[in-house]
């Protein structure tokens, strides 16, 4: 889980914004009832896309950004991203109008680069509301109605948790504690 917190503006042109992302790793996704996962084409590259109604913004993994055909632009506001582990990052840029192919439909999303490893893209409420999207968590389907296009439905996929690893030093400490 990552929570976006407001940051004090550095000048009159900058404004602070806040937002949130609930699911950034597959284990979080399995517990969240408001997300659907799918694999779709983004600028001609296969991408793991998470539809997350608990996220206020849409994000792209910094590892995936070289696959985008758009350049980074400065945000008109700043976001401070804080993870549950206490790490934080200030987001000041965005990729505007990134092309996604959801089934046979071409749509666009404004994506904020974020350090995440398990998902390439998280489509949040900004994208979901713009496309009048509805997430059916039971069937893992997302219906959406892009402006000027017919309503479409995409089928999500099962989410599996990645294996979790710990260091040998941490394992030794846990064993010494009787775990």
N, C-alpha and C. Protein backbone atom coordinates (compact mmCIF):
# COMPACT_ATOMS: atom_id res chain seq x y z
N UNK A 1 0.85 -1.18 0.00
CA UNK A 1 0.00 0.00 0.00
C UNK A 1 0.89 1.23 0.00
N UNK A 2 0.54 2.21 -0.80
CA UNK A 2 1.25 3.47 -0.87
C UNK A 2 0.23 4.57 -0.68
N UNK A 3 0.56 5.54 0.14
CA UNK A 3 -0.33 6.66 0.38
C UNK A 3 0.37 7.92 -0.09
N UNK A 4 -0.31 8.72 -0.87
CA UNK A 4 0.24 9.97 -1.37
C UNK A 4 -0.17 11.07 -0.40
N UNK A 5 0.81 11.83 0.04
CA UNK A 5 0.56 12.89 1.00
C UNK A 5 0.86 14.24 0.37
N UNK A 6 0.23 15.30 0.82
CA UNK A 6 0.51 16.61 0.25
C UNK A 6 1.92 17.07 0.59
N UNK A 7 2.49 17.84 -0.31
CA UNK A 7 3.82 18.41 -0.12
C UNK A 7 3.67 19.93 -0.16
N UNK A 8 4.39 20.63 0.68
CA UNK A 8 4.33 22.08 0.68
C UNK A 8 4.85 22.62 -0.65
N UNK A 9 4.12 23.51 -1.25
CA UNK A 9 4.50 24.09 -2.53
C UNK A 9 5.77 24.91 -2.36
N UNK A 10 6.65 24.86 -3.38
CA UNK A 10 7.91 25.59 -3.32
C UNK A 10 7.78 26.99 -3.89
N UNK A 11 6.74 27.24 -4.70
CA UNK A 11 6.47 28.58 -5.18
C UNK A 11 4.99 28.69 -5.48
N UNK A 12 4.55 29.88 -5.89
CA UNK A 12 3.12 30.08 -6.12
C UNK A 12 2.57 29.24 -7.26
N UNK A 13 3.43 28.84 -8.20
CA UNK A 13 2.99 28.06 -9.34
C UNK A 13 2.70 26.62 -8.95
N UNK A 14 3.42 26.11 -7.95
CA UNK A 14 3.23 24.73 -7.51
C UNK A 14 2.08 24.66 -6.51
N UNK A 15 1.32 23.60 -6.59
CA UNK A 15 0.30 23.35 -5.59
C UNK A 15 0.50 21.95 -5.07
N UNK A 16 0.08 21.72 -3.86
CA UNK A 16 0.23 20.40 -3.26
C UNK A 16 -1.03 19.59 -3.52
N UNK A 17 -0.87 18.31 -3.74
CA UNK A 17 -2.00 17.41 -3.94
C UNK A 17 -1.78 16.16 -3.10
N UNK A 18 -2.85 15.50 -2.82
CA UNK A 18 -2.73 14.23 -2.14
C UNK A 18 -3.55 13.20 -2.89
N UNK A 19 -3.21 11.97 -2.69
CA UNK A 19 -3.91 10.87 -3.33
C UNK A 19 -3.52 9.59 -2.64
N UNK A 20 -3.89 8.45 -3.25
CA UNK A 20 -3.53 7.19 -2.62
C UNK A 20 -3.51 6.07 -3.66
N UNK A 21 -2.75 5.04 -3.34
CA UNK A 21 -2.74 3.78 -4.08
C UNK A 21 -2.81 2.70 -3.03
N UNK A 22 -3.79 1.81 -3.13
CA UNK A 22 -3.95 0.76 -2.13
C UNK A 22 -3.17 -0.49 -2.44
N UNK A 23 -3.05 -0.88 -3.68
CA UNK A 23 -2.47 -2.18 -4.02
C UNK A 23 -1.27 -2.00 -4.94
N UNK A 24 -0.07 -2.30 -4.44
CA UNK A 24 1.12 -2.22 -5.26
C UNK A 24 1.83 -3.55 -5.39
N UNK A 25 1.43 -4.55 -4.65
CA UNK A 25 1.99 -5.89 -4.80
C UNK A 25 0.84 -6.88 -4.89
N UNK A 26 1.04 -8.01 -5.59
CA UNK A 26 -0.06 -8.96 -5.76
C UNK A 26 -0.72 -9.41 -4.47
N UNK A 27 0.00 -9.55 -3.40
CA UNK A 27 -0.61 -9.95 -2.13
C UNK A 27 -1.65 -8.96 -1.67
N UNK A 28 -1.40 -7.64 -1.90
CA UNK A 28 -2.38 -6.61 -1.57
C UNK A 28 -3.61 -6.73 -2.47
N UNK A 29 -3.39 -7.06 -3.74
CA UNK A 29 -4.47 -7.15 -4.70
C UNK A 29 -5.45 -8.25 -4.32
N UNK A 30 -4.94 -9.38 -3.85
CA UNK A 30 -5.83 -10.48 -3.50
C UNK A 30 -6.76 -10.11 -2.37
N UNK A 31 -6.35 -9.20 -1.51
CA UNK A 31 -7.17 -8.79 -0.38
C UNK A 31 -8.11 -7.64 -0.73
N UNK A 32 -7.82 -6.93 -1.83
CA UNK A 32 -8.63 -5.76 -2.19
C UNK A 32 -9.77 -6.18 -3.09
N UNK A 33 -10.97 -5.73 -2.74
CA UNK A 33 -12.16 -6.08 -3.52
C UNK A 33 -12.42 -5.08 -4.64
N UNK A 34 -11.60 -4.06 -4.76
CA UNK A 34 -11.89 -2.99 -5.70
C UNK A 34 -10.89 -2.95 -6.85
N UNK A 35 -10.23 -4.06 -7.17
CA UNK A 35 -9.23 -4.06 -8.23
C UNK A 35 -9.43 -5.23 -9.18
N UNK A 36 -8.96 -5.04 -10.41
CA UNK A 36 -8.95 -6.09 -11.42
C UNK A 36 -7.62 -5.98 -12.14
N UNK A 37 -7.01 -7.11 -12.46
CA UNK A 37 -5.71 -7.17 -13.11
C UNK A 37 -5.85 -7.73 -14.51
N UNK A 38 -5.09 -7.21 -15.46
CA UNK A 38 -5.10 -7.74 -16.82
C UNK A 38 -3.79 -7.44 -17.52
N UNK A 39 -3.55 -8.15 -18.61
CA UNK A 39 -2.36 -7.90 -19.44
C UNK A 39 -2.84 -7.29 -20.75
N UNK A 40 -2.33 -6.11 -21.06
CA UNK A 40 -2.76 -5.37 -22.24
C UNK A 40 -1.56 -4.75 -22.92
N UNK A 41 -1.76 -4.25 -24.13
CA UNK A 41 -0.69 -3.62 -24.89
C UNK A 41 -0.65 -2.12 -24.58
N UNK A 42 0.55 -1.63 -24.31
CA UNK A 42 0.78 -0.21 -24.05
C UNK A 42 1.94 0.22 -24.94
N UNK A 43 1.66 1.10 -25.87
CA UNK A 43 2.67 1.55 -26.84
C UNK A 43 3.38 0.36 -27.47
N UNK A 44 2.63 -0.69 -27.79
CA UNK A 44 3.18 -1.84 -28.47
C UNK A 44 3.91 -2.83 -27.58
N UNK A 45 3.85 -2.65 -26.27
CA UNK A 45 4.52 -3.54 -25.32
C UNK A 45 3.48 -4.16 -24.38
N UNK A 46 3.64 -5.43 -24.07
CA UNK A 46 2.75 -6.11 -23.14
C UNK A 46 2.97 -5.54 -21.74
N UNK A 47 1.87 -5.20 -21.07
CA UNK A 47 1.97 -4.58 -19.75
C UNK A 47 0.97 -5.20 -18.79
N UNK A 48 1.39 -5.38 -17.55
CA UNK A 48 0.52 -5.84 -16.48
C UNK A 48 -0.19 -4.60 -15.93
N UNK A 49 -1.51 -4.53 -16.15
CA UNK A 49 -2.29 -3.34 -15.82
C UNK A 49 -3.25 -3.68 -14.68
N UNK A 50 -3.23 -2.85 -13.65
CA UNK A 50 -4.12 -2.99 -12.51
C UNK A 50 -5.15 -1.88 -12.56
N UNK A 51 -6.45 -2.23 -12.58
CA UNK A 51 -7.53 -1.26 -12.47
C UNK A 51 -7.85 -1.16 -10.98
N UNK A 52 -7.57 -0.01 -10.37
CA UNK A 52 -7.64 0.13 -8.92
C UNK A 52 -8.51 1.32 -8.54
N UNK A 53 -9.74 1.05 -8.10
CA UNK A 53 -10.64 2.14 -7.71
C UNK A 53 -10.22 2.77 -6.39
N UNK A 54 -9.28 2.18 -5.70
CA UNK A 54 -8.77 2.76 -4.46
C UNK A 54 -7.63 3.73 -4.70
N UNK A 55 -7.19 3.85 -5.94
CA UNK A 55 -6.12 4.77 -6.30
C UNK A 55 -6.71 6.04 -6.88
N UNK A 56 -6.27 7.18 -6.41
CA UNK A 56 -6.81 8.43 -6.92
C UNK A 56 -6.17 8.84 -8.24
N UNK A 57 -4.95 8.37 -8.49
CA UNK A 57 -4.20 8.72 -9.70
C UNK A 57 -3.83 7.44 -10.45
N UNK A 58 -3.35 7.62 -11.68
CA UNK A 58 -2.85 6.50 -12.48
C UNK A 58 -1.33 6.59 -12.52
N UNK A 59 -0.69 5.41 -12.44
CA UNK A 59 0.76 5.36 -12.31
C UNK A 59 1.36 4.41 -13.33
N UNK A 60 2.64 4.62 -13.61
CA UNK A 60 3.41 3.72 -14.44
C UNK A 60 4.70 3.39 -13.68
N UNK A 61 5.11 2.14 -13.75
CA UNK A 61 6.36 1.74 -13.11
C UNK A 61 7.52 2.45 -13.81
N UNK A 62 8.45 2.94 -13.02
CA UNK A 62 9.63 3.58 -13.61
C UNK A 62 10.41 2.60 -14.48
N UNK A 63 10.29 1.29 -14.19
CA UNK A 63 10.95 0.29 -15.01
C UNK A 63 10.29 0.16 -16.38
N UNK A 64 9.01 0.51 -16.48
CA UNK A 64 8.26 0.39 -17.73
C UNK A 64 8.33 1.66 -18.57
N UNK A 65 8.70 2.80 -17.99
CA UNK A 65 8.64 4.07 -18.71
C UNK A 65 9.46 4.11 -20.00
N UNK A 66 10.59 3.38 -20.13
CA UNK A 66 11.29 3.40 -21.43
C UNK A 66 10.44 2.85 -22.58
N UNK A 67 9.40 2.08 -22.27
CA UNK A 67 8.53 1.53 -23.31
C UNK A 67 7.47 2.52 -23.78
N UNK A 68 7.34 3.64 -23.10
CA UNK A 68 6.34 4.64 -23.48
C UNK A 68 6.89 5.51 -24.61
N UNK A 69 6.01 5.90 -25.52
CA UNK A 69 6.41 6.77 -26.63
C UNK A 69 6.15 8.23 -26.32
N UNK A 70 5.94 8.55 -25.05
CA UNK A 70 5.70 9.93 -24.66
C UNK A 70 6.85 10.40 -23.78
N UNK A 71 7.09 11.68 -23.79
CA UNK A 71 8.15 12.22 -22.93
C UNK A 71 7.54 12.63 -21.59
N UNK A 72 8.41 12.70 -20.59
CA UNK A 72 7.95 13.13 -19.27
C UNK A 72 7.74 14.63 -19.27
N UNK A 73 6.64 15.04 -18.66
CA UNK A 73 6.34 16.46 -18.51
C UNK A 73 6.24 16.77 -17.02
N UNK A 74 6.45 18.02 -16.67
CA UNK A 74 6.34 18.42 -15.27
C UNK A 74 4.87 18.45 -14.86
N UNK A 75 4.59 17.93 -13.66
CA UNK A 75 3.25 18.02 -13.08
C UNK A 75 2.99 19.47 -12.67
N UNK A 76 1.74 19.90 -12.69
CA UNK A 76 1.40 21.24 -12.22
C UNK A 76 1.27 21.25 -10.70
N UNK A 77 1.48 20.09 -10.06
CA UNK A 77 1.45 19.95 -8.61
C UNK A 77 2.46 18.89 -8.22
N UNK A 78 2.68 18.74 -6.92
CA UNK A 78 3.62 17.73 -6.44
C UNK A 78 2.87 16.71 -5.58
N UNK A 79 3.31 15.45 -5.67
CA UNK A 79 2.78 14.39 -4.82
C UNK A 79 3.92 13.79 -4.03
N UNK A 80 3.68 13.56 -2.75
CA UNK A 80 4.65 12.85 -1.93
C UNK A 80 4.10 11.46 -1.68
N UNK A 81 4.81 10.46 -2.17
CA UNK A 81 4.37 9.07 -2.04
C UNK A 81 5.05 8.46 -0.83
N UNK A 82 4.26 7.93 0.07
CA UNK A 82 4.78 7.30 1.29
C UNK A 82 4.33 5.86 1.33
N UNK A 83 5.28 4.94 1.47
CA UNK A 83 4.95 3.52 1.52
C UNK A 83 4.73 3.09 2.97
N UNK A 84 4.10 1.93 3.18
CA UNK A 84 3.89 1.45 4.55
C UNK A 84 5.20 1.21 5.29
N UNK A 85 6.30 1.02 4.53
CA UNK A 85 7.60 0.80 5.17
C UNK A 85 8.25 2.11 5.60
N UNK A 86 7.60 3.24 5.31
CA UNK A 86 8.14 4.52 5.72
C UNK A 86 8.93 5.21 4.64
N UNK A 87 9.16 4.54 3.50
CA UNK A 87 9.86 5.17 2.39
C UNK A 87 8.94 6.21 1.77
N UNK A 88 9.53 7.27 1.23
CA UNK A 88 8.71 8.27 0.56
C UNK A 88 9.40 8.77 -0.70
N UNK A 89 8.60 9.25 -1.63
CA UNK A 89 9.12 9.74 -2.90
C UNK A 89 8.23 10.89 -3.36
N UNK A 90 8.83 11.92 -3.89
CA UNK A 90 8.08 13.04 -4.43
C UNK A 90 7.92 12.82 -5.92
N UNK A 91 6.68 12.89 -6.38
CA UNK A 91 6.38 12.75 -7.81
C UNK A 91 6.15 14.13 -8.38
N UNK A 92 6.91 14.47 -9.41
CA UNK A 92 6.79 15.80 -10.02
C UNK A 92 6.62 15.73 -11.54
N UNK A 93 6.47 14.52 -12.10
CA UNK A 93 6.36 14.41 -13.56
C UNK A 93 5.22 13.47 -13.94
N UNK A 94 4.88 13.52 -15.22
CA UNK A 94 3.77 12.73 -15.75
C UNK A 94 4.03 12.43 -17.22
N UNK A 95 3.56 11.29 -17.66
CA UNK A 95 3.55 10.94 -19.09
C UNK A 95 2.11 11.15 -19.55
N UNK A 96 1.90 12.08 -20.47
CA UNK A 96 0.55 12.46 -20.91
C UNK A 96 0.15 11.65 -22.14
N UNK A 97 -1.10 11.22 -22.17
CA UNK A 97 -1.72 10.56 -23.32
C UNK A 97 -0.95 9.31 -23.76
N UNK A 98 -0.71 8.41 -22.82
CA UNK A 98 -0.09 7.13 -23.14
C UNK A 98 -1.15 6.21 -23.74
N UNK A 99 -0.81 5.59 -24.86
CA UNK A 99 -1.77 4.76 -25.58
C UNK A 99 -1.85 3.36 -25.01
N UNK A 100 -3.06 2.94 -24.66
CA UNK A 100 -3.32 1.58 -24.16
C UNK A 100 -4.31 0.90 -25.10
N UNK A 101 -4.09 -0.37 -25.37
CA UNK A 101 -5.04 -1.17 -26.14
C UNK A 101 -5.70 -2.14 -25.17
N UNK A 102 -6.94 -1.86 -24.84
CA UNK A 102 -7.72 -2.72 -23.96
C UNK A 102 -8.65 -3.52 -24.85
N UNK A 103 -8.24 -4.74 -25.17
CA UNK A 103 -8.98 -5.52 -26.16
C UNK A 103 -8.82 -4.85 -27.50
N UNK A 104 -9.93 -4.55 -28.16
CA UNK A 104 -9.90 -3.90 -29.47
C UNK A 104 -10.01 -2.38 -29.38
N UNK A 105 -10.07 -1.86 -28.18
CA UNK A 105 -10.29 -0.42 -27.98
C UNK A 105 -8.97 0.28 -27.64
N UNK A 106 -8.76 1.42 -28.27
CA UNK A 106 -7.58 2.24 -27.98
C UNK A 106 -8.02 3.38 -27.06
N UNK A 107 -7.36 3.49 -25.92
CA UNK A 107 -7.65 4.56 -24.96
C UNK A 107 -6.32 5.20 -24.54
N UNK A 108 -6.42 6.30 -23.84
CA UNK A 108 -5.22 7.02 -23.42
C UNK A 108 -5.28 7.28 -21.91
N UNK A 109 -4.11 7.32 -21.31
CA UNK A 109 -4.02 7.56 -19.86
C UNK A 109 -2.85 8.48 -19.57
N UNK A 110 -3.02 9.34 -18.58
CA UNK A 110 -1.93 10.16 -18.06
C UNK A 110 -1.33 9.41 -16.88
N UNK A 111 -0.04 9.07 -16.98
CA UNK A 111 0.59 8.18 -16.01
C UNK A 111 1.73 8.86 -15.27
N UNK A 112 1.69 8.76 -13.94
CA UNK A 112 2.73 9.32 -13.09
C UNK A 112 3.75 8.23 -12.78
N UNK A 113 5.04 8.47 -13.08
CA UNK A 113 6.06 7.45 -12.78
C UNK A 113 6.17 7.20 -11.27
N UNK A 114 6.25 5.91 -10.90
CA UNK A 114 6.32 5.52 -9.50
C UNK A 114 7.18 4.26 -9.40
N UNK A 115 7.96 4.15 -8.33
CA UNK A 115 8.76 2.95 -8.09
C UNK A 115 7.84 1.82 -7.66
N UNK A 116 7.55 0.91 -8.57
CA UNK A 116 6.79 -0.30 -8.25
C UNK A 116 7.29 -1.40 -9.16
N UNK A 117 7.24 -2.63 -8.66
CA UNK A 117 7.85 -3.72 -9.41
C UNK A 117 6.85 -4.72 -9.98
N UNK A 118 5.73 -4.94 -9.35
CA UNK A 118 4.85 -6.04 -9.73
C UNK A 118 3.82 -5.66 -10.79
N UNK A 119 3.53 -4.39 -10.95
CA UNK A 119 2.59 -3.93 -11.96
C UNK A 119 3.28 -2.90 -12.82
N UNK A 120 2.99 -2.92 -14.11
CA UNK A 120 3.56 -1.92 -15.01
C UNK A 120 2.74 -0.63 -14.96
N UNK A 121 1.41 -0.79 -14.84
CA UNK A 121 0.53 0.37 -14.84
C UNK A 121 -0.60 0.15 -13.83
N UNK A 122 -0.94 1.19 -13.10
CA UNK A 122 -2.11 1.21 -12.23
C UNK A 122 -3.03 2.30 -12.76
N UNK A 123 -4.22 1.90 -13.19
CA UNK A 123 -5.22 2.87 -13.63
C UNK A 123 -6.14 3.17 -12.45
N UNK A 124 -6.08 4.41 -11.99
CA UNK A 124 -6.83 4.83 -10.80
C UNK A 124 -8.11 5.56 -11.16
N UNK A 125 -8.69 6.19 -10.14
CA UNK A 125 -9.99 6.84 -10.29
C UNK A 125 -9.97 7.97 -11.32
N UNK A 126 -8.84 8.63 -11.53
CA UNK A 126 -8.81 9.66 -12.56
C UNK A 126 -9.16 9.06 -13.92
N UNK A 127 -8.57 7.92 -14.26
CA UNK A 127 -8.85 7.25 -15.53
C UNK A 127 -10.22 6.57 -15.50
N UNK A 128 -10.52 5.87 -14.41
CA UNK A 128 -11.78 5.14 -14.32
C UNK A 128 -12.99 6.08 -14.45
N UNK A 129 -12.94 7.24 -13.80
CA UNK A 129 -14.08 8.17 -13.89
C UNK A 129 -14.16 8.82 -15.26
N UNK A 130 -13.03 9.15 -15.85
CA UNK A 130 -13.02 9.76 -17.19
C UNK A 130 -13.64 8.81 -18.23
N UNK A 131 -13.46 7.50 -18.02
CA UNK A 131 -13.96 6.51 -18.97
C UNK A 131 -15.24 5.81 -18.47
N UNK A 132 -15.89 6.40 -17.49
CA UNK A 132 -17.14 5.85 -16.93
C UNK A 132 -17.01 4.36 -16.67
N UNK A 133 -15.92 3.96 -16.05
CA UNK A 133 -15.61 2.54 -15.84
C UNK A 133 -16.33 1.99 -14.61
N UNK A 134 -16.68 0.71 -14.71
CA UNK A 134 -17.25 -0.04 -13.61
C UNK A 134 -16.45 -1.31 -13.45
N UNK A 135 -16.02 -1.60 -12.23
CA UNK A 135 -15.26 -2.82 -11.94
C UNK A 135 -16.20 -3.84 -11.32
N UNK A 136 -16.29 -5.01 -11.94
CA UNK A 136 -17.05 -6.12 -11.37
C UNK A 136 -16.04 -7.07 -10.75
N UNK A 137 -15.91 -7.01 -9.44
CA UNK A 137 -14.88 -7.78 -8.75
C UNK A 137 -15.18 -9.27 -8.74
N UNK A 138 -16.44 -9.65 -8.80
CA UNK A 138 -16.81 -11.06 -8.81
C UNK A 138 -16.38 -11.73 -10.11
N UNK A 139 -16.67 -11.09 -11.24
CA UNK A 139 -16.33 -11.69 -12.53
C UNK A 139 -14.97 -11.24 -13.04
N UNK A 140 -14.34 -10.28 -12.33
CA UNK A 140 -13.04 -9.71 -12.72
C UNK A 140 -13.13 -9.05 -14.10
N UNK A 141 -14.22 -8.33 -14.34
CA UNK A 141 -14.40 -7.61 -15.59
C UNK A 141 -14.46 -6.11 -15.33
N UNK A 142 -13.97 -5.35 -16.30
CA UNK A 142 -14.06 -3.89 -16.25
C UNK A 142 -14.84 -3.45 -17.48
N UNK A 143 -15.96 -2.78 -17.26
CA UNK A 143 -16.68 -2.17 -18.37
C UNK A 143 -16.36 -0.69 -18.36
N UNK A 144 -16.14 -0.12 -19.53
CA UNK A 144 -15.80 1.29 -19.62
C UNK A 144 -16.36 1.86 -20.91
N UNK A 145 -16.54 3.17 -20.92
CA UNK A 145 -17.14 3.87 -22.05
C UNK A 145 -16.27 5.07 -22.37
N UNK A 146 -15.25 4.87 -23.23
CA UNK A 146 -14.38 6.00 -23.59
C UNK A 146 -15.18 7.10 -24.29
N UNK A 147 -14.83 8.35 -24.09
CA UNK A 147 -15.54 9.43 -24.76
C UNK A 147 -15.55 9.22 -26.28
N UNK A 148 -16.74 9.28 -26.88
CA UNK A 148 -16.87 9.14 -28.32
C UNK A 148 -16.80 7.72 -28.84
N UNK A 149 -16.76 6.72 -27.95
CA UNK A 149 -16.68 5.33 -28.37
C UNK A 149 -17.79 4.52 -27.69
N UNK A 150 -18.00 3.32 -28.21
CA UNK A 150 -19.00 2.43 -27.62
C UNK A 150 -18.47 1.84 -26.31
N UNK A 151 -19.39 1.39 -25.46
CA UNK A 151 -18.99 0.74 -24.21
C UNK A 151 -18.26 -0.56 -24.52
N UNK A 152 -17.22 -0.85 -23.73
CA UNK A 152 -16.43 -2.07 -23.90
C UNK A 152 -16.27 -2.77 -22.57
N UNK A 153 -15.98 -4.05 -22.63
CA UNK A 153 -15.72 -4.85 -21.43
C UNK A 153 -14.42 -5.61 -21.64
N UNK A 154 -13.54 -5.56 -20.64
CA UNK A 154 -12.32 -6.37 -20.68
C UNK A 154 -12.37 -7.37 -19.53
N UNK A 155 -11.82 -8.53 -19.78
CA UNK A 155 -11.78 -9.60 -18.79
C UNK A 155 -10.45 -9.57 -18.06
N UNK A 156 -10.49 -9.57 -16.74
CA UNK A 156 -9.28 -9.61 -15.94
C UNK A 156 -8.76 -11.02 -15.78
N UNK A 157 -7.64 -11.14 -15.09
CA UNK A 157 -6.99 -12.42 -14.88
C UNK A 157 -6.85 -12.70 -13.39
N UNK A 158 -6.59 -13.96 -13.06
CA UNK A 158 -6.31 -14.34 -11.68
C UNK A 158 -5.00 -13.70 -11.23
N UNK A 159 -4.92 -13.31 -10.00
CA UNK A 159 -3.72 -12.70 -9.44
C UNK A 159 -3.04 -13.71 -8.55
N UNK A 160 -1.75 -13.91 -8.76
CA UNK A 160 -0.99 -14.81 -7.90
C UNK A 160 0.08 -14.01 -7.19
N UNK A 161 0.33 -14.35 -5.96
CA UNK A 161 1.35 -13.66 -5.18
C UNK A 161 2.73 -14.13 -5.61
N UNK A 162 3.69 -13.20 -5.66
CA UNK A 162 5.06 -13.59 -5.96
C UNK A 162 5.67 -14.28 -4.74
N UNK A 163 6.73 -15.06 -4.94
CA UNK A 163 7.39 -15.63 -3.76
C UNK A 163 8.07 -14.51 -2.97
N UNK A 164 7.97 -14.60 -1.67
CA UNK A 164 8.61 -13.59 -0.83
C UNK A 164 9.90 -14.17 -0.26
N UNK A 165 10.97 -13.39 -0.35
CA UNK A 165 12.27 -13.82 0.10
C UNK A 165 12.73 -12.94 1.26
N UNK A 166 13.54 -13.53 2.13
CA UNK A 166 14.19 -12.75 3.17
C UNK A 166 15.66 -13.09 3.12
N UNK A 167 16.49 -12.23 3.66
CA UNK A 167 17.93 -12.46 3.65
C UNK A 167 18.31 -13.56 4.63
N UNK A 168 19.47 -14.14 4.42
CA UNK A 168 19.97 -15.18 5.32
C UNK A 168 20.16 -14.63 6.72
N UNK A 169 20.62 -13.38 6.82
CA UNK A 169 20.83 -12.77 8.14
C UNK A 169 19.50 -12.62 8.88
N UNK A 170 18.46 -12.19 8.16
CA UNK A 170 17.16 -12.05 8.80
C UNK A 170 16.63 -13.43 9.20
N UNK A 171 16.82 -14.43 8.37
CA UNK A 171 16.37 -15.79 8.70
C UNK A 171 17.05 -16.28 9.97
N UNK A 172 18.35 -16.03 10.10
CA UNK A 172 19.08 -16.45 11.31
C UNK A 172 18.53 -15.75 12.56
N UNK A 173 18.24 -14.44 12.44
CA UNK A 173 17.69 -13.70 13.58
C UNK A 173 16.33 -14.26 13.97
N UNK A 174 15.50 -14.58 12.97
CA UNK A 174 14.18 -15.15 13.26
C UNK A 174 14.29 -16.50 13.92
N UNK A 175 15.22 -17.32 13.46
CA UNK A 175 15.43 -18.64 14.06
C UNK A 175 15.89 -18.50 15.51
N UNK A 176 16.80 -17.54 15.77
CA UNK A 176 17.28 -17.31 17.12
C UNK A 176 16.16 -16.87 18.04
N UNK A 177 15.14 -16.21 17.50
CA UNK A 177 14.00 -15.76 18.28
C UNK A 177 12.98 -16.87 18.47
N UNK A 178 13.23 -18.02 17.88
CA UNK A 178 12.33 -19.16 18.06
C UNK A 178 11.28 -19.31 16.96
N UNK A 179 11.42 -18.57 15.90
CA UNK A 179 10.44 -18.68 14.79
C UNK A 179 10.71 -19.95 13.98
